[in-house]
Amino acid sequence: MVRVLMRQVTLWDSKVFYLVFGKLDRKIWKRIFYVLSRSADAVSCAVAGLILWMGLPGSGPYVAAGLLAFGLELSLYYLLKKGIRRPRPFKSLAGVQFLIVPPDEFSFPSGHTAAAFLVATLLTAACPWLALPALAWASLVGFSRVYLGVHYPTDVLAGMVLGSLCAQAGLFFFHLG
């Protein structure tokens, strides 16, 4: 039963992946999605935390929650990545070549998406008026990972859940959420 379910998920994933990967003009969008994807790198997230801490009085507890959340997220990310060992789309699907060099060998979950949703969740808690742009940015980061050929849609969905839950855990630990 689990194999049948996984086969169905993989079939759906492949169909949606090809829809995203093959439809948009590469020359116009590749650079935009590359920049969006890179905006959720570790350095970018650290800079965002530093800017929040320096620019928003009283944000120290949110930054501390973010540090805890990132520690939890990275630990779970590596456990899932090494435990599941799902090949990236360009290794499994015909006619797919990545548009950026992936940071590692395996696909599930999307670490960039997890980081983006972690940051978006923290920003939403610290500055509720930033909720819409933060969540839009995080969603576009996830979309960019599929568009650039390095993740399946379910990798991105798992990253969304992972990042959001780790952020909520950090907020809960510091009594912020």
N, C-alpha and C. Protein backbone atom coordinates (compact mmCIF):
# COMPACT_ATOMS: atom_id res chain seq x y z
N MET A 1 0.82 -1.19 0.00
CA MET A 1 0.00 0.00 0.00
C MET A 1 0.87 1.26 0.00
N VAL A 2 1.93 1.25 0.81
CA VAL A 2 2.82 2.42 0.86
C VAL A 2 3.49 2.62 -0.49
N ARG A 3 3.89 1.51 -1.13
CA ARG A 3 4.52 1.62 -2.46
C ARG A 3 3.57 2.20 -3.49
N VAL A 4 2.32 1.79 -3.44
CA VAL A 4 1.32 2.33 -4.37
C VAL A 4 1.13 3.82 -4.13
N LEU A 5 1.04 4.20 -2.87
CA LEU A 5 0.88 5.61 -2.52
C LEU A 5 2.10 6.41 -3.00
N MET A 6 3.29 5.90 -2.74
CA MET A 6 4.51 6.59 -3.16
C MET A 6 4.60 6.70 -4.68
N ARG A 7 4.16 5.67 -5.38
CA ARG A 7 4.14 5.71 -6.84
C ARG A 7 3.19 6.81 -7.33
N GLN A 8 2.03 6.92 -6.69
CA GLN A 8 1.07 7.95 -7.06
C GLN A 8 1.61 9.35 -6.77
N VAL A 9 2.26 9.53 -5.61
CA VAL A 9 2.86 10.82 -5.26
C VAL A 9 3.94 11.17 -6.27
N THR A 10 4.79 10.20 -6.62
CA THR A 10 5.86 10.45 -7.58
C THR A 10 5.29 10.80 -8.95
N LEU A 11 4.24 10.14 -9.37
CA LEU A 11 3.59 10.46 -10.65
C LEU A 11 3.05 11.88 -10.64
N TRP A 12 2.34 12.25 -9.58
CA TRP A 12 1.82 13.62 -9.45
C TRP A 12 2.96 14.62 -9.43
N ASP A 13 3.98 14.34 -8.64
CA ASP A 13 5.15 15.21 -8.54
C ASP A 13 5.78 15.45 -9.91
N SER A 14 5.94 14.39 -10.68
CA SER A 14 6.56 14.50 -12.00
C SER A 14 5.71 15.35 -12.94
N LYS A 15 4.42 15.15 -12.92
CA LYS A 15 3.52 15.93 -13.79
C LYS A 15 3.58 17.42 -13.45
N VAL A 16 3.47 17.74 -12.16
CA VAL A 16 3.51 19.14 -11.75
C VAL A 16 4.90 19.72 -12.02
N PHE A 17 5.94 18.94 -11.77
CA PHE A 17 7.30 19.42 -12.05
C PHE A 17 7.44 19.82 -13.51
N TYR A 18 7.01 18.96 -14.43
CA TYR A 18 7.13 19.27 -15.87
C TYR A 18 6.31 20.50 -16.24
N LEU A 19 5.15 20.69 -15.60
CA LEU A 19 4.36 21.90 -15.85
C LEU A 19 5.14 23.16 -15.51
N VAL A 20 5.77 23.15 -14.35
CA VAL A 20 6.53 24.33 -13.90
C VAL A 20 7.82 24.47 -14.67
N PHE A 21 8.53 23.37 -14.82
CA PHE A 21 9.87 23.40 -15.40
C PHE A 21 9.85 23.74 -16.88
N GLY A 22 8.82 23.31 -17.59
CA GLY A 22 8.86 23.45 -19.04
C GLY A 22 8.09 24.58 -19.66
N LYS A 23 7.39 25.39 -18.88
CA LYS A 23 6.47 26.34 -19.48
C LYS A 23 6.98 27.77 -19.62
N LEU A 24 7.82 28.23 -18.74
CA LEU A 24 8.21 29.63 -18.75
C LEU A 24 9.50 29.84 -19.55
N ASP A 25 9.60 30.97 -20.19
CA ASP A 25 10.78 31.31 -20.98
C ASP A 25 12.01 31.38 -20.08
N ARG A 26 12.98 30.56 -20.38
CA ARG A 26 14.16 30.44 -19.52
C ARG A 26 14.97 31.73 -19.45
N LYS A 27 15.15 32.43 -20.53
CA LYS A 27 16.03 33.61 -20.54
C LYS A 27 15.52 34.71 -19.60
N ILE A 28 14.24 34.92 -19.60
CA ILE A 28 13.66 35.99 -18.79
C ILE A 28 13.63 35.62 -17.31
N TRP A 29 13.19 34.42 -17.01
CA TRP A 29 12.89 34.05 -15.63
C TRP A 29 14.04 33.40 -14.88
N LYS A 30 15.00 32.83 -15.57
CA LYS A 30 16.08 32.12 -14.89
C LYS A 30 16.80 33.03 -13.89
N ARG A 31 17.14 34.23 -14.31
CA ARG A 31 17.87 35.14 -13.42
C ARG A 31 17.02 35.55 -12.22
N ILE A 32 15.74 35.84 -12.47
CA ILE A 32 14.85 36.26 -11.38
C ILE A 32 14.73 35.14 -10.35
N PHE A 33 14.49 33.91 -10.83
CA PHE A 33 14.32 32.80 -9.90
C PHE A 33 15.63 32.39 -9.25
N TYR A 34 16.73 32.61 -9.92
CA TYR A 34 18.04 32.36 -9.31
C TYR A 34 18.24 33.29 -8.11
N VAL A 35 17.96 34.57 -8.30
CA VAL A 35 18.12 35.54 -7.22
C VAL A 35 17.15 35.21 -6.07
N LEU A 36 15.91 34.88 -6.40
CA LEU A 36 14.94 34.51 -5.36
C LEU A 36 15.44 33.29 -4.58
N SER A 37 15.92 32.30 -5.28
CA SER A 37 16.41 31.09 -4.64
C SER A 37 17.57 31.40 -3.71
N ARG A 38 18.51 32.20 -4.17
CA ARG A 38 19.68 32.56 -3.37
C ARG A 38 19.31 33.42 -2.17
N SER A 39 18.18 34.11 -2.23
CA SER A 39 17.78 34.96 -1.12
C SER A 39 17.43 34.15 0.13
N ALA A 40 17.31 32.83 -0.01
CA ALA A 40 17.02 31.98 1.14
C ALA A 40 18.24 31.14 1.54
N ASP A 41 19.43 31.50 1.06
CA ASP A 41 20.66 30.84 1.50
C ASP A 41 20.92 31.17 2.96
N ALA A 42 21.79 30.42 3.58
CA ALA A 42 22.12 30.63 4.99
C ALA A 42 22.63 32.05 5.26
N VAL A 43 23.48 32.54 4.38
CA VAL A 43 24.04 33.89 4.59
C VAL A 43 22.93 34.93 4.51
N SER A 44 22.05 34.80 3.54
CA SER A 44 20.95 35.76 3.38
C SER A 44 20.04 35.75 4.61
N CYS A 45 19.76 34.57 5.13
CA CYS A 45 18.90 34.47 6.31
C CYS A 45 19.59 35.06 7.54
N ALA A 46 20.88 34.84 7.66
CA ALA A 46 21.63 35.43 8.78
C ALA A 46 21.63 36.95 8.69
N VAL A 47 21.79 37.47 7.49
CA VAL A 47 21.77 38.93 7.29
C VAL A 47 20.39 39.47 7.64
N ALA A 48 19.33 38.76 7.25
CA ALA A 48 17.97 39.19 7.58
C ALA A 48 17.78 39.26 9.10
N GLY A 49 18.28 38.25 9.81
CA GLY A 49 18.19 38.26 11.27
C GLY A 49 18.96 39.41 11.89
N LEU A 50 20.13 39.69 11.33
CA LEU A 50 20.95 40.80 11.83
C LEU A 50 20.26 42.15 11.59
N ILE A 51 19.67 42.30 10.41
CA ILE A 51 18.95 43.54 10.08
C ILE A 51 17.75 43.70 11.02
N LEU A 52 17.02 42.61 11.24
CA LEU A 52 15.87 42.67 12.15
C LEU A 52 16.32 43.06 13.55
N TRP A 53 17.38 42.43 14.05
CA TRP A 53 17.88 42.70 15.38
C TRP A 53 18.35 44.15 15.53
N MET A 54 19.04 44.67 14.51
CA MET A 54 19.56 46.03 14.59
C MET A 54 18.49 47.09 14.31
N GLY A 55 17.51 46.75 13.49
CA GLY A 55 16.56 47.75 13.03
C GLY A 55 15.24 47.80 13.75
N LEU A 56 14.94 46.79 14.54
CA LEU A 56 13.64 46.74 15.19
C LEU A 56 13.83 46.59 16.70
N PRO A 57 13.56 47.65 17.44
CA PRO A 57 13.70 47.56 18.91
C PRO A 57 12.83 46.44 19.46
N GLY A 58 13.37 45.69 20.38
CA GLY A 58 12.61 44.61 20.99
C GLY A 58 12.60 43.32 20.19
N SER A 59 13.39 43.25 19.12
CA SER A 59 13.37 42.06 18.28
C SER A 59 14.32 40.96 18.75
N GLY A 60 15.11 41.25 19.79
CA GLY A 60 16.07 40.26 20.29
C GLY A 60 15.48 38.89 20.55
N PRO A 61 14.33 38.79 21.22
CA PRO A 61 13.74 37.46 21.44
C PRO A 61 13.37 36.74 20.14
N TYR A 62 12.96 37.50 19.11
CA TYR A 62 12.63 36.88 17.82
C TYR A 62 13.88 36.35 17.13
N VAL A 63 14.97 37.08 17.27
CA VAL A 63 16.24 36.62 16.70
C VAL A 63 16.70 35.37 17.44
N ALA A 64 16.57 35.36 18.76
CA ALA A 64 16.93 34.17 19.54
C ALA A 64 16.05 32.98 19.14
N ALA A 65 14.76 33.24 18.95
CA ALA A 65 13.85 32.18 18.49
C ALA A 65 14.28 31.67 17.12
N GLY A 66 14.73 32.58 16.27
CA GLY A 66 15.20 32.19 14.94
C GLY A 66 16.45 31.33 15.00
N LEU A 67 17.37 31.67 15.90
CA LEU A 67 18.58 30.86 16.04
C LEU A 67 18.24 29.44 16.50
N LEU A 68 17.35 29.35 17.48
CA LEU A 68 16.92 28.03 17.94
C LEU A 68 16.20 27.29 16.81
N ALA A 69 15.30 27.99 16.12
CA ALA A 69 14.53 27.37 15.04
C ALA A 69 15.44 26.88 13.93
N PHE A 70 16.44 27.68 13.57
CA PHE A 70 17.36 27.26 12.50
C PHE A 70 18.18 26.04 12.94
N GLY A 71 18.59 26.00 14.20
CA GLY A 71 19.31 24.82 14.68
C GLY A 71 18.46 23.57 14.58
N LEU A 72 17.20 23.68 14.97
CA LEU A 72 16.26 22.56 14.87
C LEU A 72 16.01 22.19 13.41
N GLU A 73 15.75 23.21 12.60
CA GLU A 73 15.45 22.97 11.18
C GLU A 73 16.62 22.29 10.47
N LEU A 74 17.82 22.77 10.68
CA LEU A 74 18.98 22.16 10.01
C LEU A 74 19.19 20.72 10.46
N SER A 75 18.98 20.44 11.74
CA SER A 75 19.13 19.07 12.24
C SER A 75 18.12 18.14 11.57
N LEU A 76 16.86 18.55 11.57
CA LEU A 76 15.81 17.73 10.95
C LEU A 76 16.01 17.61 9.44
N TYR A 77 16.42 18.71 8.82
CA TYR A 77 16.68 18.73 7.38
C TYR A 77 17.73 17.67 7.02
N TYR A 78 18.84 17.65 7.74
CA TYR A 78 19.89 16.69 7.43
C TYR A 78 19.45 15.26 7.71
N LEU A 79 18.70 15.04 8.77
CA LEU A 79 18.18 13.70 9.05
C LEU A 79 17.27 13.22 7.92
N LEU A 80 16.36 14.09 7.49
CA LEU A 80 15.45 13.72 6.40
C LEU A 80 16.20 13.53 5.09
N LYS A 81 17.08 14.45 4.78
CA LYS A 81 17.82 14.41 3.52
C LYS A 81 18.63 13.12 3.40
N LYS A 82 19.36 12.78 4.46
CA LYS A 82 20.22 11.59 4.44
C LYS A 82 19.42 10.30 4.64
N GLY A 83 18.29 10.40 5.32
CA GLY A 83 17.48 9.21 5.55
C GLY A 83 16.65 8.82 4.34
N ILE A 84 16.06 9.79 3.68
CA ILE A 84 15.17 9.50 2.55
C ILE A 84 15.96 9.33 1.26
N ARG A 85 16.95 10.15 1.04
CA ARG A 85 17.87 10.04 -0.11
C ARG A 85 17.14 10.07 -1.47
N ARG A 86 16.19 10.96 -1.61
CA ARG A 86 15.44 11.07 -2.86
C ARG A 86 16.30 11.75 -3.92
N PRO A 87 16.44 11.12 -5.08
CA PRO A 87 17.23 11.74 -6.15
C PRO A 87 16.56 13.03 -6.65
N ARG A 88 17.37 13.96 -7.08
CA ARG A 88 16.85 15.22 -7.62
C ARG A 88 16.18 14.95 -8.97
N PRO A 89 15.26 15.86 -9.38
CA PRO A 89 14.53 15.64 -10.63
C PRO A 89 15.43 15.45 -11.86
N PHE A 90 16.52 16.17 -11.94
CA PHE A 90 17.37 16.04 -13.12
C PHE A 90 18.07 14.68 -13.18
N LYS A 91 18.06 13.94 -12.06
CA LYS A 91 18.64 12.60 -12.06
C LYS A 91 17.59 11.53 -12.37
N SER A 92 16.32 11.87 -12.18
CA SER A 92 15.25 10.89 -12.30
C SER A 92 14.35 11.09 -13.51
N LEU A 93 14.23 12.31 -14.01
CA LEU A 93 13.28 12.60 -15.07
C LEU A 93 14.00 12.87 -16.39
N ALA A 94 13.43 12.36 -17.45
CA ALA A 94 14.00 12.55 -18.78
C ALA A 94 13.86 14.00 -19.22
N GLY A 95 14.89 14.52 -19.85
CA GLY A 95 14.84 15.86 -20.43
C GLY A 95 14.99 17.00 -19.44
N VAL A 96 15.39 16.70 -18.22
CA VAL A 96 15.52 17.73 -17.20
C VAL A 96 17.00 17.96 -16.91
N GLN A 97 17.39 19.20 -17.01
CA GLN A 97 18.74 19.59 -16.63
C GLN A 97 18.62 20.78 -15.68
N PHE A 98 19.35 20.72 -14.58
CA PHE A 98 19.23 21.79 -13.59
C PHE A 98 19.73 23.10 -14.17
N LEU A 99 19.15 24.19 -13.69
CA LEU A 99 19.55 25.53 -14.13
C LEU A 99 20.47 26.20 -13.12
N ILE A 100 20.62 25.58 -11.96
CA ILE A 100 21.61 26.01 -10.97
C ILE A 100 22.24 24.74 -10.40
N VAL A 101 23.41 24.88 -9.87
CA VAL A 101 24.07 23.73 -9.26
C VAL A 101 23.47 23.51 -7.88
N PRO A 102 22.93 22.32 -7.62
CA PRO A 102 22.32 22.07 -6.32
C PRO A 102 23.39 21.99 -5.23
N PRO A 103 23.03 22.34 -4.00
CA PRO A 103 24.01 22.34 -2.92
C PRO A 103 24.40 20.94 -2.44
N ASP A 104 23.58 19.94 -2.74
CA ASP A 104 23.90 18.58 -2.32
C ASP A 104 23.23 17.59 -3.27
N GLU A 105 23.35 16.32 -2.95
CA GLU A 105 22.94 15.26 -3.87
C GLU A 105 21.44 14.97 -3.86
N PHE A 106 20.80 15.15 -2.72
CA PHE A 106 19.42 14.68 -2.58
C PHE A 106 18.41 15.81 -2.57
N SER A 107 17.15 15.43 -2.84
CA SER A 107 16.10 16.39 -3.12
C SER A 107 15.17 16.69 -1.95
N PHE A 108 14.83 15.72 -1.16
CA PHE A 108 13.78 15.86 -0.14
C PHE A 108 14.38 16.06 1.23
N PRO A 109 13.96 17.10 1.93
CA PRO A 109 13.09 18.23 1.60
C PRO A 109 13.90 19.39 1.02
N SER A 110 13.23 20.43 0.60
CA SER A 110 13.90 21.63 0.10
C SER A 110 14.36 22.49 1.27
N GLY A 111 15.67 22.57 1.45
CA GLY A 111 16.23 23.38 2.54
C GLY A 111 16.04 24.86 2.33
N HIS A 112 16.13 25.33 1.07
CA HIS A 112 15.92 26.75 0.79
C HIS A 112 14.48 27.15 1.13
N THR A 113 13.54 26.27 0.78
CA THR A 113 12.14 26.56 1.08
C THR A 113 11.91 26.53 2.59
N ALA A 114 12.51 25.57 3.27
CA ALA A 114 12.38 25.50 4.73
C ALA A 114 12.91 26.78 5.37
N ALA A 115 14.08 27.24 4.92
CA ALA A 115 14.66 28.47 5.47
C ALA A 115 13.76 29.67 5.18
N ALA A 116 13.23 29.74 3.97
CA ALA A 116 12.37 30.87 3.60
C ALA A 116 11.11 30.90 4.46
N PHE A 117 10.47 29.76 4.67
CA PHE A 117 9.24 29.74 5.47
C PHE A 117 9.54 29.94 6.95
N LEU A 118 10.71 29.52 7.39
CA LEU A 118 11.12 29.80 8.76
C LEU A 118 11.24 31.30 8.97
N VAL A 119 11.95 31.96 8.07
CA VAL A 119 12.12 33.42 8.16
C VAL A 119 10.76 34.13 8.03
N ALA A 120 9.95 33.69 7.08
CA ALA A 120 8.64 34.33 6.88
C ALA A 120 7.76 34.18 8.11
N THR A 121 7.79 33.02 8.74
CA THR A 121 6.99 32.80 9.94
C THR A 121 7.47 33.69 11.09
N LEU A 122 8.79 33.79 11.24
CA LEU A 122 9.34 34.67 12.29
C LEU A 122 9.02 36.14 12.02
N LEU A 123 9.17 36.55 10.76
CA LEU A 123 8.85 37.94 10.41
C LEU A 123 7.38 38.25 10.66
N THR A 124 6.53 37.31 10.34
CA THR A 124 5.10 37.49 10.54
C THR A 124 4.78 37.65 12.03
N ALA A 125 5.48 36.88 12.86
CA ALA A 125 5.25 36.99 14.31
C ALA A 125 5.79 38.31 14.85
N ALA A 126 6.97 38.73 14.37
CA ALA A 126 7.60 39.96 14.87
C ALA A 126 6.94 41.21 14.31
N CYS A 127 6.55 41.16 13.05
CA CYS A 127 5.97 42.32 12.34
C CYS A 127 4.77 41.84 11.53
N PRO A 128 3.61 41.71 12.13
CA PRO A 128 2.45 41.17 11.42
C PRO A 128 2.13 41.88 10.10
N TRP A 129 2.47 43.14 9.99
CA TRP A 129 2.22 43.88 8.76
C TRP A 129 3.10 43.38 7.61
N LEU A 130 4.12 42.57 7.91
CA LEU A 130 4.98 41.99 6.87
C LEU A 130 4.53 40.60 6.42
N ALA A 131 3.41 40.12 6.97
CA ALA A 131 2.97 38.75 6.69
C ALA A 131 2.80 38.48 5.21
N LEU A 132 2.07 39.31 4.51
CA LEU A 132 1.81 39.05 3.09
C LEU A 132 3.08 39.07 2.25
N PRO A 133 3.92 40.11 2.32
CA PRO A 133 5.15 40.06 1.51
C PRO A 133 6.09 38.93 1.94
N ALA A 134 6.17 38.63 3.23
CA ALA A 134 7.06 37.56 3.69
C ALA A 134 6.61 36.21 3.16
N LEU A 135 5.32 35.94 3.24
CA LEU A 135 4.81 34.66 2.76
C LEU A 135 4.85 34.58 1.23
N ALA A 136 4.64 35.68 0.56
CA ALA A 136 4.76 35.70 -0.91
C ALA A 136 6.21 35.40 -1.31
N TRP A 137 7.16 36.04 -0.64
CA TRP A 137 8.58 35.79 -0.92
C TRP A 137 8.92 34.31 -0.70
N ALA A 138 8.51 33.76 0.44
CA ALA A 138 8.82 32.36 0.75
C ALA A 138 8.20 31.42 -0.28
N SER A 139 6.98 31.72 -0.71
CA SER A 139 6.33 30.89 -1.73
C SER A 139 7.07 30.95 -3.06
N LEU A 140 7.54 32.14 -3.41
CA LEU A 140 8.31 32.28 -4.65
C LEU A 140 9.66 31.57 -4.56
N VAL A 141 10.26 31.55 -3.39
CA VAL A 141 11.50 30.78 -3.21
C VAL A 141 11.21 29.31 -3.50
N GLY A 142 10.14 28.78 -2.93
CA GLY A 142 9.77 27.39 -3.19
C GLY A 142 9.51 27.13 -4.66
N PHE A 143 8.76 28.01 -5.30
CA PHE A 143 8.49 27.86 -6.73
C PHE A 143 9.80 27.88 -7.53
N SER A 144 10.71 28.76 -7.13
CA SER A 144 11.98 28.88 -7.86
C SER A 144 12.77 27.58 -7.81
N ARG A 145 12.69 26.85 -6.71
CA ARG A 145 13.44 25.61 -6.59
C ARG A 145 12.95 24.56 -7.58
N VAL A 146 11.64 24.53 -7.83
CA VAL A 146 11.09 23.63 -8.84
C VAL A 146 11.45 24.14 -10.23
N TYR A 147 11.24 25.43 -10.45
CA TYR A 147 11.53 26.03 -11.75
C TYR A 147 12.98 25.80 -12.17
N LEU A 148 13.89 25.90 -11.22
CA LEU A 148 15.32 25.75 -11.52
C LEU A 148 15.75 24.29 -11.66
N GLY A 149 14.82 23.37 -11.47
CA GLY A 149 15.07 21.96 -11.76
C GLY A 149 15.73 21.16 -10.65
N VAL A 150 15.73 21.68 -9.42
CA VAL A 150 16.44 20.98 -8.35
C VAL A 150 15.51 20.34 -7.31
N HIS A 151 14.20 20.61 -7.40
CA HIS A 151 13.26 20.00 -6.44
C HIS A 151 11.94 19.65 -7.11
N TYR A 152 11.30 18.65 -6.53
CA TYR A 152 9.93 18.31 -6.88
C TYR A 152 8.99 19.17 -6.03
N PRO A 153 7.74 19.29 -6.45
CA PRO A 153 6.78 20.06 -5.63
C PRO A 153 6.63 19.53 -4.20
N THR A 154 6.65 18.22 -4.00
CA THR A 154 6.49 17.72 -2.63
C THR A 154 7.73 18.01 -1.78
N ASP A 155 8.90 18.17 -2.39
CA ASP A 155 10.08 18.61 -1.64
C ASP A 155 9.85 20.00 -1.07
N VAL A 156 9.24 20.83 -1.90
CA VAL A 156 8.94 22.21 -1.50
C VAL A 156 7.85 22.22 -0.42
N LEU A 157 6.82 21.41 -0.59
CA LEU A 157 5.77 21.33 0.44
C LEU A 157 6.35 20.87 1.78
N ALA A 158 7.23 19.89 1.74
CA ALA A 158 7.88 19.43 2.97
C ALA A 158 8.74 20.54 3.57
N GLY A 159 9.43 21.29 2.74
CA GLY A 159 10.23 22.41 3.23
C GLY A 159 9.36 23.48 3.89
N MET A 160 8.20 23.75 3.29
CA MET A 160 7.26 24.72 3.88
C MET A 160 6.85 24.29 5.28
N VAL A 161 6.49 23.02 5.41
CA VAL A 161 6.04 22.50 6.71
C VAL A 161 7.20 22.51 7.70
N LEU A 162 8.36 22.02 7.28
CA LEU A 162 9.51 21.96 8.16
C LEU A 162 9.90 23.34 8.68
N GLY A 163 10.05 24.30 7.79
CA GLY A 163 10.44 25.65 8.20
C GLY A 163 9.41 26.32 9.09
N SER A 164 8.15 26.19 8.74
CA SER A 164 7.08 26.81 9.53
C SER A 164 6.99 26.20 10.92
N LEU A 165 7.07 24.87 11.01
CA LEU A 165 6.98 24.22 12.31
C LEU A 165 8.18 24.52 13.20
N CYS A 166 9.37 24.57 12.59
CA CYS A 166 10.56 24.90 13.39
C CYS A 166 10.50 26.33 13.90
N ALA A 167 10.01 27.23 13.07
CA ALA A 167 9.84 28.62 13.52
C ALA A 167 8.83 28.69 14.66
N GLN A 168 7.72 27.96 14.53
CA GLN A 168 6.72 27.94 15.60
C GLN A 168 7.30 27.37 16.88
N ALA A 169 8.17 26.35 16.76
CA ALA A 169 8.81 25.79 17.95
C ALA A 169 9.72 26.82 18.62
N GLY A 170 10.47 27.56 17.82
CA GLY A 170 11.32 28.62 18.38
C GLY A 170 10.51 29.70 19.06
N LEU A 171 9.42 30.10 18.42
CA LEU A 171 8.54 31.12 19.01
C LEU A 171 7.91 30.61 20.30
N PHE A 172 7.48 29.35 20.31
CA PHE A 172 6.87 28.77 21.49
C PHE A 172 7.88 28.71 22.65
N PHE A 173 9.10 28.29 22.35
CA PHE A 173 10.14 28.17 23.38
C PHE A 173 10.39 29.51 24.07
N PHE A 174 10.36 30.59 23.29
CA PHE A 174 10.60 31.91 23.85
C PHE A 174 9.30 32.65 24.22
N HIS A 175 8.19 31.90 24.25
CA HIS A 175 6.88 32.44 24.65
C HIS A 175 6.47 33.62 23.76
N LEU A 176 6.69 33.48 22.46
CA LEU A 176 6.37 34.56 21.52
C LEU A 176 5.18 34.19 20.63
N GLY A 177 4.73 33.01 20.68
CA GLY A 177 3.65 32.63 19.77
C GLY A 177 2.63 31.73 20.39
